[in-house]
Amino acid sequence: MLDAHRRMTMLRRSIMTALALAAAVAASPASACAVHTPVSPSAVGAADLVVVGRIVNYRPGEGGRRATFGVAVAEVLRGRAGRTLAVRLDPTMYGAPRTMPRAPVLIALRNGGGASGPGLIVLQGMCSPPFILEAGSAPARAARRLLR
């Protein structure tokens, strides 16, 4: 009798532990990335267009959808660009930022095409933030050196 009671108590504890673990996992944000990696200045080599400018009219995507914004271009470091650009940020495992910097940024872009559609898209690795660097930061200076 005591063995049956002990087994039932252990079974209940196991079930409660499993339910608590499932609830904790369900409440945490989903991400396939075990480790988020910072933006590498060397990734600028994969960009079709690199500019320095200010982000304007940022519209974060709802529910993980793509974000859109404009860039008021102050300087072109690679490629050709007009004074303003229409840009999108496609969602990755990292997710889109809720806000964007107000200060000038160095931003690396690629030309859209194929399934992702036309337009300029921010360069971004699967487990990295978008390639948007504060213009005066050390990573931005390193990216500039690589573009020379």
C-alpha atoms as a PDB file:
ATOM      1  CA  MET A   1       0.000   0.000   0.000  1.00  0.00           C
ATOM      2  CA  LEU A   2       2.812   2.386   0.915  1.00  0.00           C
ATOM      3  CA  ASP A   3       4.583   1.650  -2.370  1.00  0.00           C
ATOM      4  CA  ALA A   4       1.443   2.440  -4.374  1.00  0.00           C
ATOM      5  CA  HIS A   5       0.970   5.698  -2.450  1.00  0.00           C
ATOM      6  CA  ARG A   6       4.618   6.669  -2.971  1.00  0.00           C
ATOM      7  CA  ARG A   7       4.430   5.888  -6.697  1.00  0.00           C
ATOM      8  CA  MET A   8       1.259   7.962  -7.055  1.00  0.00           C
ATOM      9  CA  THR A   9       2.904  10.911  -5.248  1.00  0.00           C
ATOM     10  CA  MET A  10       5.976  10.715  -7.490  1.00  0.00           C
ATOM     11  CA  LEU A  11       3.767  10.499 -10.591  1.00  0.00           C
ATOM     12  CA  ARG A  12       1.839  13.613  -9.519  1.00  0.00           C
ATOM     13  CA  ARG A  13       5.085  15.509  -8.883  1.00  0.00           C
ATOM     14  CA  SER A  14       6.428  14.471 -12.281  1.00  0.00           C
ATOM     15  CA  ILE A  15       3.252  15.621 -14.006  1.00  0.00           C
ATOM     16  CA  MET A  16       3.267  18.948 -12.141  1.00  0.00           C
ATOM     17  CA  THR A  17       6.937  19.505 -13.015  1.00  0.00           C
ATOM     18  CA  ALA A  18       6.285  18.735 -16.687  1.00  0.00           C
ATOM     19  CA  LEU A  19       3.306  21.115 -16.762  1.00  0.00           C
ATOM     20  CA  ALA A  20       5.314  23.895 -15.110  1.00  0.00           C
ATOM     21  CA  LEU A  21       8.149  23.407 -17.596  1.00  0.00           C
ATOM     22  CA  ALA A  22       5.719  23.440 -20.548  1.00  0.00           C
ATOM     23  CA  ALA A  23       4.137  26.666 -19.265  1.00  0.00           C
ATOM     24  CA  ALA A  24       7.565  28.312 -18.888  1.00  0.00           C
ATOM     25  CA  VAL A  25       8.581  27.341 -22.418  1.00  0.00           C
ATOM     26  CA  ALA A  26       5.275  28.544 -23.884  1.00  0.00           C
ATOM     27  CA  ALA A  27       5.634  31.916 -22.127  1.00  0.00           C
ATOM     28  CA  SER A  28       9.156  32.574 -23.456  1.00  0.00           C
ATOM     29  CA  PRO A  29       9.741  34.070 -26.920  1.00  0.00           C
ATOM     30  CA  ALA A  30      10.347  31.557 -29.690  1.00  0.00           C
ATOM     31  CA  SER A  31      13.787  31.543 -31.238  1.00  0.00           C
ATOM     32  CA  ALA A  32      15.737  28.948 -33.130  1.00  0.00           C
ATOM     33  CA  CYS A  33      18.959  30.756 -32.253  1.00  0.00           C
ATOM     34  CA  ALA A  34      20.761  29.425 -29.224  1.00  0.00           C
ATOM     35  CA  VAL A  35      23.217  32.318 -29.406  1.00  0.00           C
ATOM     36  CA  HIS A  36      22.620  35.716 -30.999  1.00  0.00           C
ATOM     37  CA  THR A  37      25.713  36.979 -32.788  1.00  0.00           C
ATOM     38  CA  PRO A  38      26.568  40.674 -33.127  1.00  0.00           C
ATOM     39  CA  VAL A  39      26.789  42.371 -36.507  1.00  0.00           C
ATOM     40  CA  SER A  40      30.182  41.725 -38.071  1.00  0.00           C
ATOM     41  CA  PRO A  41      31.661  44.687 -39.970  1.00  0.00           C
ATOM     42  CA  SER A  42      33.063  42.192 -42.518  1.00  0.00           C
ATOM     43  CA  ALA A  43      29.493  41.333 -43.586  1.00  0.00           C
ATOM     44  CA  VAL A  44      29.429  44.716 -45.352  1.00  0.00           C
ATOM     45  CA  GLY A  45      31.179  42.985 -48.274  1.00  0.00           C
ATOM     46  CA  ALA A  46      27.904  41.201 -49.124  1.00  0.00           C
ATOM     47  CA  ALA A  47      25.988  44.483 -49.482  1.00  0.00           C
ATOM     48  CA  ASP A  48      24.858  45.922 -52.810  1.00  0.00           C
ATOM     49  CA  LEU A  49      24.442  49.384 -51.288  1.00  0.00           C
ATOM     50  CA  VAL A  50      25.948  50.965 -48.174  1.00  0.00           C
ATOM     51  CA  VAL A  51      24.875  54.419 -47.028  1.00  0.00           C
ATOM     52  CA  VAL A  52      25.106  56.737 -44.060  1.00  0.00           C
ATOM     53  CA  GLY A  53      21.914  58.563 -43.205  1.00  0.00           C
ATOM     54  CA  ARG A  54      18.973  58.956 -40.844  1.00  0.00           C
ATOM     55  CA  ILE A  55      16.108  56.507 -40.532  1.00  0.00           C
ATOM     56  CA  VAL A  56      12.701  58.132 -41.022  1.00  0.00           C
ATOM     57  CA  ASN A  57       9.104  56.894 -40.829  1.00  0.00           C
ATOM     58  CA  TYR A  58       9.924  53.563 -39.186  1.00  0.00           C
ATOM     59  CA  ARG A  59       6.947  51.202 -39.166  1.00  0.00           C
ATOM     60  CA  PRO A  60       7.624  47.986 -37.260  1.00  0.00           C
ATOM     61  CA  GLY A  61       5.816  44.985 -38.668  1.00  0.00           C
ATOM     62  CA  GLU A  62       2.993  43.550 -36.580  1.00  0.00           C
ATOM     63  CA  GLY A  63       3.187  39.949 -35.504  1.00  0.00           C
ATOM     64  CA  GLY A  64       6.656  39.344 -36.914  1.00  0.00           C
ATOM     65  CA  ARG A  65       5.876  40.822 -40.329  1.00  0.00           C
ATOM     66  CA  ARG A  66       8.374  42.941 -42.212  1.00  0.00           C
ATOM     67  CA  ALA A  67       9.146  46.460 -41.048  1.00  0.00           C
ATOM     68  CA  THR A  68       9.455  49.382 -43.458  1.00  0.00           C
ATOM     69  CA  PHE A  69      11.200  52.740 -43.242  1.00  0.00           C
ATOM     70  CA  GLY A  70      12.917  55.436 -45.213  1.00  0.00           C
ATOM     71  CA  VAL A  71      16.546  56.525 -45.156  1.00  0.00           C
ATOM     72  CA  ALA A  72      17.504  60.160 -45.700  1.00  0.00           C
ATOM     73  CA  VAL A  73      20.898  59.580 -47.349  1.00  0.00           C
ATOM     74  CA  ALA A  74      23.835  61.779 -46.323  1.00  0.00           C
ATOM     75  CA  GLU A  75      26.655  59.711 -47.857  1.00  0.00           C
ATOM     76  CA  VAL A  76      26.944  56.752 -50.233  1.00  0.00           C
ATOM     77  CA  LEU A  77      29.805  54.361 -49.448  1.00  0.00           C
ATOM     78  CA  ARG A  78      28.989  51.624 -51.996  1.00  0.00           C
ATOM     79  CA  GLY A  79      26.600  51.545 -54.925  1.00  0.00           C
ATOM     80  CA  ARG A  80      24.296  54.295 -56.156  1.00  0.00           C
ATOM     81  CA  ALA A  81      21.490  55.960 -54.250  1.00  0.00           C
ATOM     82  CA  GLY A  82      19.255  58.989 -54.384  1.00  0.00           C
ATOM     83  CA  ARG A  83      18.617  61.356 -51.484  1.00  0.00           C
ATOM     84  CA  THR A  84      15.984  59.072 -49.958  1.00  0.00           C
ATOM     85  CA  LEU A  85      15.520  55.314 -49.963  1.00  0.00           C
ATOM     86  CA  ALA A  86      12.542  53.075 -49.252  1.00  0.00           C
ATOM     87  CA  VAL A  87      13.795  50.117 -47.230  1.00  0.00           C
ATOM     88  CA  ARG A  88      12.358  47.028 -45.636  1.00  0.00           C
ATOM     89  CA  LEU A  89      13.538  44.770 -42.876  1.00  0.00           C
ATOM     90  CA  ASP A  90      12.421  41.178 -43.355  1.00  0.00           C
ATOM     91  CA  PRO A  91      11.855  39.197 -40.170  1.00  0.00           C
ATOM     92  CA  THR A  92      14.478  36.649 -39.148  1.00  0.00           C
ATOM     93  CA  MET A  93      14.902  34.576 -36.026  1.00  0.00           C
ATOM     94  CA  TYR A  94      16.315  37.699 -34.385  1.00  0.00           C
ATOM     95  CA  GLY A  95      13.163  39.739 -34.952  1.00  0.00           C
ATOM     96  CA  ALA A  96      12.668  43.370 -35.939  1.00  0.00           C
ATOM     97  CA  PRO A  97      13.575  46.162 -33.506  1.00  0.00           C
ATOM     98  CA  ARG A  98      10.714  48.071 -31.885  1.00  0.00           C
ATOM     99  CA  THR A  99      12.466  51.386 -32.490  1.00  0.00           C
ATOM    100  CA  MET A 100      15.330  52.666 -34.599  1.00  0.00           C
ATOM    101  CA  PRO A 101      18.195  55.024 -33.712  1.00  0.00           C
ATOM    102  CA  ARG A 102      17.571  58.730 -34.274  1.00  0.00           C
ATOM    103  CA  ALA A 103      21.275  59.467 -34.836  1.00  0.00           C
ATOM    104  CA  PRO A 104      22.929  58.914 -38.237  1.00  0.00           C
ATOM    105  CA  VAL A 105      23.536  55.261 -39.062  1.00  0.00           C
ATOM    106  CA  LEU A 106      25.615  53.235 -41.467  1.00  0.00           C
ATOM    107  CA  ILE A 107      23.278  50.749 -43.112  1.00  0.00           C
ATOM    108  CA  ALA A 108      24.112  47.871 -45.457  1.00  0.00           C
ATOM    109  CA  LEU A 109      21.446  46.866 -47.967  1.00  0.00           C
ATOM    110  CA  ARG A 110      20.901  44.258 -50.626  1.00  0.00           C
ATOM    111  CA  ASN A 111      18.671  44.370 -53.669  1.00  0.00           C
ATOM    112  CA  GLY A 112      15.510  42.318 -53.236  1.00  0.00           C
ATOM    113  CA  GLY A 113      14.396  39.778 -55.729  1.00  0.00           C
ATOM    114  CA  GLY A 114      12.947  36.341 -56.055  1.00  0.00           C
ATOM    115  CA  ALA A 115      10.569  35.217 -53.320  1.00  0.00           C
ATOM    116  CA  SER A 116      11.448  38.198 -51.113  1.00  0.00           C
ATOM    117  CA  GLY A 117      10.138  40.679 -53.699  1.00  0.00           C
ATOM    118  CA  PRO A 118      11.663  43.868 -55.116  1.00  0.00           C
ATOM    119  CA  GLY A 119      13.187  46.724 -53.169  1.00  0.00           C
ATOM    120  CA  LEU A 120      16.069  47.339 -50.793  1.00  0.00           C
ATOM    121  CA  ILE A 121      16.388  44.986 -47.850  1.00  0.00           C
ATOM    122  CA  VAL A 122      18.573  45.470 -44.777  1.00  0.00           C
ATOM    123  CA  LEU A 123      21.408  42.971 -44.663  1.00  0.00           C
ATOM    124  CA  GLN A 124      20.877  40.637 -41.706  1.00  0.00           C
ATOM    125  CA  GLY A 125      22.118  37.218 -40.646  1.00  0.00           C
ATOM    126  CA  MET A 126      19.693  34.633 -39.298  1.00  0.00           C
ATOM    127  CA  CYS A 127      20.796  35.083 -35.673  1.00  0.00           C
ATOM    128  CA  SER A 128      22.131  38.635 -35.916  1.00  0.00           C
ATOM    129  CA  PRO A 129      20.551  42.045 -35.592  1.00  0.00           C
ATOM    130  CA  PRO A 130      20.068  44.089 -38.772  1.00  0.00           C
ATOM    131  CA  PHE A 131      23.185  45.691 -40.292  1.00  0.00           C
ATOM    132  CA  ILE A 132      22.380  49.144 -38.932  1.00  0.00           C
ATOM    133  CA  LEU A 133      25.302  50.684 -37.040  1.00  0.00           C
ATOM    134  CA  GLU A 134      25.595  54.053 -35.336  1.00  0.00           C
ATOM    135  CA  ALA A 135      27.637  56.049 -37.860  1.00  0.00           C
ATOM    136  CA  GLY A 136      30.371  57.039 -35.395  1.00  0.00           C
ATOM    137  CA  SER A 137      30.738  53.630 -33.706  1.00  0.00           C
ATOM    138  CA  ALA A 138      33.849  51.444 -33.863  1.00  0.00           C
ATOM    139  CA  PRO A 139      32.044  48.741 -35.930  1.00  0.00           C
ATOM    140  CA  ALA A 140      30.923  51.421 -38.440  1.00  0.00           C
ATOM    141  CA  ARG A 141      34.494  52.733 -38.733  1.00  0.00           C
ATOM    142  CA  ALA A 142      35.707  49.151 -39.322  1.00  0.00           C
ATOM    143  CA  ALA A 143      33.061  48.665 -42.038  1.00  0.00           C
ATOM    144  CA  ARG A 144      34.171  51.926 -43.709  1.00  0.00           C
ATOM    145  CA  ARG A 145      37.803  50.705 -43.740  1.00  0.00           C
ATOM    146  CA  LEU A 146      36.713  47.471 -45.406  1.00  0.00           C
ATOM    147  CA  LEU A 147      34.930  49.389 -48.151  1.00  0.00           C
ATOM    148  CA  ARG A 148      38.001  51.414 -49.151  1.00  0.00           C
END
